Amino acid sequence: MLLARQLHEAFPQVHCVVYPSNHWPGDLSHADAVIVGLNHGHQAAVDPEIFAAVRRGAGFMAVHYGVEVNKGNEANNYLQWIGGYFETFWSVNPWWTPRYEKFPDHPVARGITPFSVHDEWYYHMRFVGNMKGLTPILTDVPPLETVNETASSRKGNPDVFRNVSEQIPQHMAWAYDRPDGGRGFGFTGLHLHANLANDNFRTVLLNAVAWTAGLEIPQDGIPSETVREPDLERLIIEAKAVRESKSPQNLHP
């Protein structure tokens, strides 16, 4: 809801609709982009409306737990839509504080300056072969204490432990130029909504949503007002009311 409203302020032509988790959209025929934040991406990865939207060129973006899908058809769909996904017994989901200091020459990185945010940042994702079409946006080398060498579903395995031991950079957010001309984006943070108060963190998300939808990103990034704790508290109350109403929020001014 916050991102939708701030996008409206920056782009008068944007029309965002926010659906609560208990009111899945039944018609995406007019969507230029679909952004999901889910407790596991299964529902998105098998949804026929999302299939149809992506097939006609709509962008697709998955946030946090929404980047995890099951191996097989779901994973193959995500590889086609956003170029990567979280795979259990391969990827990991530790709480840590990366330092994002270098950014690529990409529209999503416009206006971003070095920042550091404590969150549940996933890494060691499964990506498309040779990372073709994929541009890492947020990258760092995690501390070794964030991963185990013993194999488990989300805490570690020998492969990721070796990667981190060798200080191989890991990617926590990425943009994907699909072969069909569409756009995809994966963002692994945002377990803590309070992190939206960080201007750089929020700008990455705003830029990513806009880029995924095919909008032009200003050279200094999408402007937005800094979010304060009272703002977030009000949003939490409002979000609960939306969820209880089981109806989407048409947030166009």
Protein backbone atom coordinates (compact mmCIF):
# COMPACT_ATOMS: atom_id res chain seq x y z
CA MET A 1 0.00 0.00 0.00
CA LEU A 2 2.83 2.37 0.84
CA LEU A 3 4.70 1.64 -2.39
CA ALA A 4 1.48 2.00 -4.40
CA ARG A 5 0.75 5.44 -2.96
CA GLN A 6 4.28 6.67 -3.45
CA LEU A 7 4.25 5.44 -7.05
CA HIS A 8 1.02 7.35 -7.62
CA GLU A 9 2.70 10.52 -6.41
CA ALA A 10 5.63 10.02 -8.77
CA PHE A 11 3.63 8.80 -11.79
CA PRO A 12 0.13 10.29 -12.16
CA GLN A 13 -0.66 7.76 -14.90
CA VAL A 14 0.00 4.77 -12.62
CA HIS A 15 -3.00 2.80 -11.36
CA CYS A 16 -2.15 0.37 -8.56
CA VAL A 17 -4.54 -2.15 -7.02
CA VAL A 18 -3.45 -3.94 -3.84
CA TYR A 19 -4.99 -7.32 -3.12
CA PRO A 20 -4.98 -8.86 0.37
CA SER A 21 -3.77 -12.44 0.62
CA ASN A 22 -7.31 -13.74 1.08
CA HIS A 23 -8.63 -12.06 -2.09
CA TRP A 24 -6.62 -13.37 -5.02
CA PRO A 25 -7.21 -11.38 -8.24
CA GLY A 26 -9.35 -13.14 -10.81
CA ASP A 27 -8.55 -10.91 -13.78
CA LEU A 28 -5.10 -9.58 -14.69
CA SER A 29 -5.88 -8.84 -18.31
CA HIS A 30 -5.06 -5.14 -17.89
CA ALA A 31 -1.98 -5.54 -15.67
CA ASP A 32 1.32 -4.14 -16.91
CA ALA A 33 3.08 -5.73 -13.95
CA VAL A 34 2.26 -8.20 -11.18
CA ILE A 35 4.12 -7.88 -7.86
CA VAL A 36 3.72 -10.60 -5.24
CA GLY A 37 4.66 -10.79 -1.58
CA LEU A 38 3.61 -14.22 -0.38
CA ASN A 39 4.22 -16.87 2.22
CA HIS A 40 5.84 -19.05 -0.49
CA GLY A 41 5.42 -18.34 -4.19
CA HIS A 42 3.50 -21.52 -5.07
CA GLN A 43 0.19 -19.69 -5.57
CA ALA A 44 1.74 -17.27 -8.06
CA ALA A 45 3.81 -19.86 -9.91
CA VAL A 46 0.75 -21.93 -10.87
CA ASP A 47 -1.81 -19.15 -11.39
CA PRO A 48 -3.32 -19.12 -14.92
CA GLU A 49 -3.98 -15.35 -14.80
CA ILE A 50 -0.31 -14.65 -14.08
CA PHE A 51 0.66 -17.08 -16.84
CA ALA A 52 -1.53 -15.15 -19.27
CA ALA A 53 -0.28 -11.75 -18.09
CA VAL A 54 3.38 -12.70 -18.45
CA ARG A 55 2.73 -14.34 -21.81
CA ARG A 56 1.37 -11.07 -23.25
CA GLY A 57 4.38 -9.15 -21.85
CA ALA A 58 3.49 -8.02 -18.33
CA GLY A 59 6.34 -7.72 -15.86
CA PHE A 60 6.55 -9.95 -12.80
CA MET A 61 8.25 -9.25 -9.47
CA ALA A 62 8.52 -11.42 -6.36
CA VAL A 63 9.44 -10.09 -2.92
CA HIS A 64 10.92 -11.93 0.08
CA TYR A 65 9.23 -15.31 0.75
CA GLY A 66 7.47 -14.84 -2.57
CA VAL A 67 10.74 -15.77 -4.33
CA GLU A 68 10.63 -19.33 -2.96
CA VAL A 69 8.92 -21.94 -5.10
CA ASN A 70 9.02 -25.72 -5.40
CA LYS A 71 11.44 -27.45 -7.75
CA GLY A 72 10.01 -28.59 -11.05
CA ASN A 73 7.35 -26.67 -12.98
CA GLU A 74 7.08 -23.86 -10.42
CA ALA A 75 10.84 -23.28 -10.46
CA ASN A 76 10.92 -23.38 -14.26
CA ASN A 77 8.20 -20.73 -14.41
CA TYR A 78 10.11 -18.46 -12.05
CA LEU A 79 13.30 -18.91 -14.05
CA GLN A 80 11.37 -17.71 -17.10
CA TRP A 81 9.63 -14.87 -15.25
CA ILE A 82 12.31 -13.40 -12.96
CA GLY A 83 15.46 -15.36 -13.80
CA GLY A 84 15.89 -16.96 -10.38
CA TYR A 85 14.28 -18.38 -7.28
CA PHE A 86 14.91 -19.64 -3.75
CA GLU A 87 15.45 -23.41 -3.72
CA THR A 88 15.35 -25.33 -0.44
CA PHE A 89 18.52 -27.31 0.38
CA TRP A 90 20.41 -24.89 -1.89
CA SER A 91 19.47 -21.31 -0.90
CA VAL A 92 19.62 -19.92 2.64
CA ASN A 93 17.60 -17.34 4.60
CA PRO A 94 19.73 -15.91 7.43
CA TRP A 95 19.24 -12.67 9.34
CA TRP A 96 22.26 -10.46 8.70
CA THR A 97 23.35 -6.94 7.81
CA PRO A 98 24.89 -6.69 4.34
CA ARG A 99 26.71 -3.59 3.16
CA TYR A 100 25.59 -2.56 -0.30
CA GLU A 101 28.33 -0.30 -1.62
CA LYS A 102 28.54 -0.79 -5.40
CA PHE A 103 25.67 -0.71 -7.86
CA PRO A 104 25.39 -1.48 -11.58
CA ASP A 105 24.56 0.96 -14.35
CA HIS A 106 20.90 -0.02 -14.38
CA PRO A 107 17.68 2.03 -14.04
CA VAL A 108 16.74 0.27 -10.78
CA ALA A 109 20.00 1.46 -9.20
CA ARG A 110 19.39 5.13 -9.99
CA GLY A 111 19.52 7.37 -6.96
CA ILE A 112 20.85 4.60 -4.70
CA THR A 113 23.77 5.36 -2.41
CA PRO A 114 25.63 2.88 -0.16
CA PHE A 115 23.43 1.55 2.63
CA SER A 116 23.18 -1.24 5.17
CA VAL A 117 19.97 -2.76 6.54
CA HIS A 118 19.45 -5.67 8.94
CA ASP A 119 16.90 -8.07 7.48
CA GLU A 120 16.30 -11.67 6.54
CA TRP A 121 18.25 -11.48 3.29
CA TYR A 122 18.13 -14.70 1.27
CA TYR A 123 21.07 -15.67 -0.90
CA HIS A 124 22.66 -18.45 -3.00
CA MET A 125 19.66 -18.41 -5.30
CA ARG A 126 19.11 -20.60 -8.35
CA PHE A 127 19.61 -18.43 -11.42
CA VAL A 128 19.23 -18.90 -15.17
CA GLY A 129 22.17 -20.47 -16.99
CA ASN A 130 25.20 -18.17 -17.19
CA MET A 131 22.95 -15.54 -15.58
CA LYS A 132 21.96 -14.52 -19.11
CA GLY A 133 19.77 -11.42 -19.08
CA LEU A 134 20.19 -11.01 -15.33
CA THR A 135 21.65 -7.91 -13.64
CA PRO A 136 22.48 -8.16 -9.91
CA ILE A 137 21.33 -5.02 -8.08
CA LEU A 138 22.16 -5.71 -4.40
CA THR A 139 25.30 -7.77 -3.83
CA ASP A 140 27.60 -8.49 -0.90
CA VAL A 141 29.75 -11.26 0.57
CA PRO A 142 27.92 -12.70 3.60
CA PRO A 143 29.73 -13.48 6.85
CA LEU A 144 30.54 -17.15 7.26
CA GLU A 145 28.46 -17.31 10.45
CA THR A 146 25.30 -16.78 8.38
CA VAL A 147 25.48 -20.29 6.92
CA ASN A 148 25.97 -23.90 8.05
CA GLU A 149 28.01 -26.54 6.25
CA THR A 150 25.57 -29.27 7.24
CA ALA A 151 22.75 -29.70 4.74
CA SER A 152 19.33 -28.42 5.81
CA SER A 153 16.32 -26.97 4.02
CA ARG A 154 17.17 -23.29 4.54
CA LYS A 155 20.18 -22.90 6.84
CA GLY A 156 23.03 -24.26 4.78
CA ASN A 157 24.69 -26.95 2.70
CA PRO A 158 28.23 -27.76 1.57
CA ASP A 159 27.89 -25.77 -1.69
CA VAL A 160 26.80 -22.48 -0.16
CA PHE A 161 29.25 -22.90 2.72
CA ARG A 162 32.09 -23.31 0.24
CA ASN A 163 30.93 -20.26 -1.75
CA VAL A 164 30.85 -18.06 1.32
CA SER A 165 34.17 -19.46 2.57
CA GLU A 166 35.70 -18.45 -0.76
CA GLN A 167 34.07 -15.00 -0.43
CA ILE A 168 32.07 -15.36 -3.62
CA PRO A 169 29.61 -12.42 -3.80
CA GLN A 170 25.93 -13.26 -3.34
CA HIS A 171 22.99 -11.44 -4.93
CA MET A 172 20.00 -10.39 -2.84
CA ALA A 173 18.12 -8.44 -5.54
CA TRP A 174 18.28 -8.72 -9.31
CA ALA A 175 16.67 -7.46 -12.50
CA TYR A 176 15.88 -9.80 -15.37
CA ASP A 177 15.42 -8.91 -19.03
CA ARG A 178 13.35 -11.81 -20.29
CA PRO A 179 14.04 -13.30 -23.75
CA ASP A 180 10.47 -12.39 -24.73
CA GLY A 181 11.13 -8.70 -24.02
CA GLY A 182 9.32 -8.63 -20.67
CA ARG A 183 10.88 -7.75 -17.33
CA GLY A 184 11.26 -9.60 -14.05
CA PHE A 185 12.64 -8.73 -10.65
CA GLY A 186 13.54 -10.61 -7.47
CA PHE A 187 13.99 -8.93 -4.07
CA THR A 188 14.82 -11.16 -1.11
CA GLY A 189 14.58 -8.67 1.78
CA LEU A 190 11.55 -7.00 3.42
CA HIS A 191 10.78 -9.41 6.23
CA LEU A 192 10.82 -6.28 8.38
CA HIS A 193 8.44 -3.68 7.01
CA ALA A 194 10.14 -1.15 9.27
CA ASN A 195 13.00 -1.20 6.76
CA LEU A 196 10.79 0.82 4.42
CA ALA A 197 11.90 3.78 6.54
CA ASN A 198 15.35 3.45 4.99
CA ASP A 199 15.34 5.75 1.96
CA ASN A 200 17.69 3.63 -0.16
CA PHE A 201 15.92 0.37 0.68
CA ARG A 202 12.57 1.90 -0.27
CA THR A 203 13.91 3.51 -3.43
CA VAL A 204 15.25 0.17 -4.69
CA LEU A 205 11.75 -1.29 -4.28
CA LEU A 206 10.02 1.69 -5.90
CA ASN A 207 12.47 1.71 -8.81
CA ALA A 208 12.08 -2.05 -9.19
CA VAL A 209 8.29 -1.97 -9.33
CA ALA A 210 8.32 0.89 -11.83
CA TRP A 211 11.00 -0.71 -14.00
CA THR A 212 9.15 -4.04 -13.98
CA ALA A 213 6.06 -2.21 -15.23
CA GLY A 214 8.02 -0.59 -18.07
CA LEU A 215 8.13 2.93 -16.62
CA GLU A 216 11.06 5.30 -17.11
CA ILE A 217 13.05 5.78 -13.90
CA PRO A 218 14.30 9.34 -13.22
CA GLN A 219 18.07 9.77 -13.13
CA ASP A 220 17.95 10.32 -9.36
CA GLY A 221 15.54 7.47 -8.75
CA ILE A 222 11.87 7.70 -7.85
CA PRO A 223 11.38 10.42 -5.23
CA SER A 224 9.40 9.60 -2.09
CA GLU A 225 8.89 10.95 1.38
CA THR A 226 10.76 9.29 4.22
CA VAL A 227 8.50 6.97 6.18
CA ARG A 228 8.25 7.47 9.94
CA GLU A 229 7.26 4.94 12.59
CA PRO A 230 3.78 6.48 13.10
CA ASP A 231 3.20 6.17 9.32
CA LEU A 232 4.05 2.47 9.44
CA GLU A 233 1.82 1.94 12.47
CA ARG A 234 -1.10 3.54 10.65
CA LEU A 235 -0.44 1.37 7.61
CA ILE A 236 -0.46 -1.78 9.75
CA ILE A 237 -3.88 -0.86 11.12
CA GLU A 238 -5.15 -0.05 7.65
CA ALA A 239 -3.75 -3.27 6.19
CA LYS A 240 -5.51 -5.34 8.85
CA ALA A 241 -8.79 -3.63 7.98
CA VAL A 242 -8.25 -4.40 4.29
CA ARG A 243 -7.51 -8.04 5.03
CA GLU A 244 -10.60 -8.39 7.22
CA SER A 245 -12.74 -6.79 4.52
CA LYS A 246 -11.44 -9.37 2.01
CA SER A 247 -11.54 -6.79 -0.76
CA PRO A 248 -8.84 -5.20 -2.92
CA GLN A 249 -7.77 -1.61 -2.43
CA ASN A 250 -8.05 0.50 -5.54
CA LEU A 251 -5.46 3.08 -4.56
CA HIS A 252 -5.65 5.36 -7.57
CA PRO A 253 -6.17 8.97 -6.41
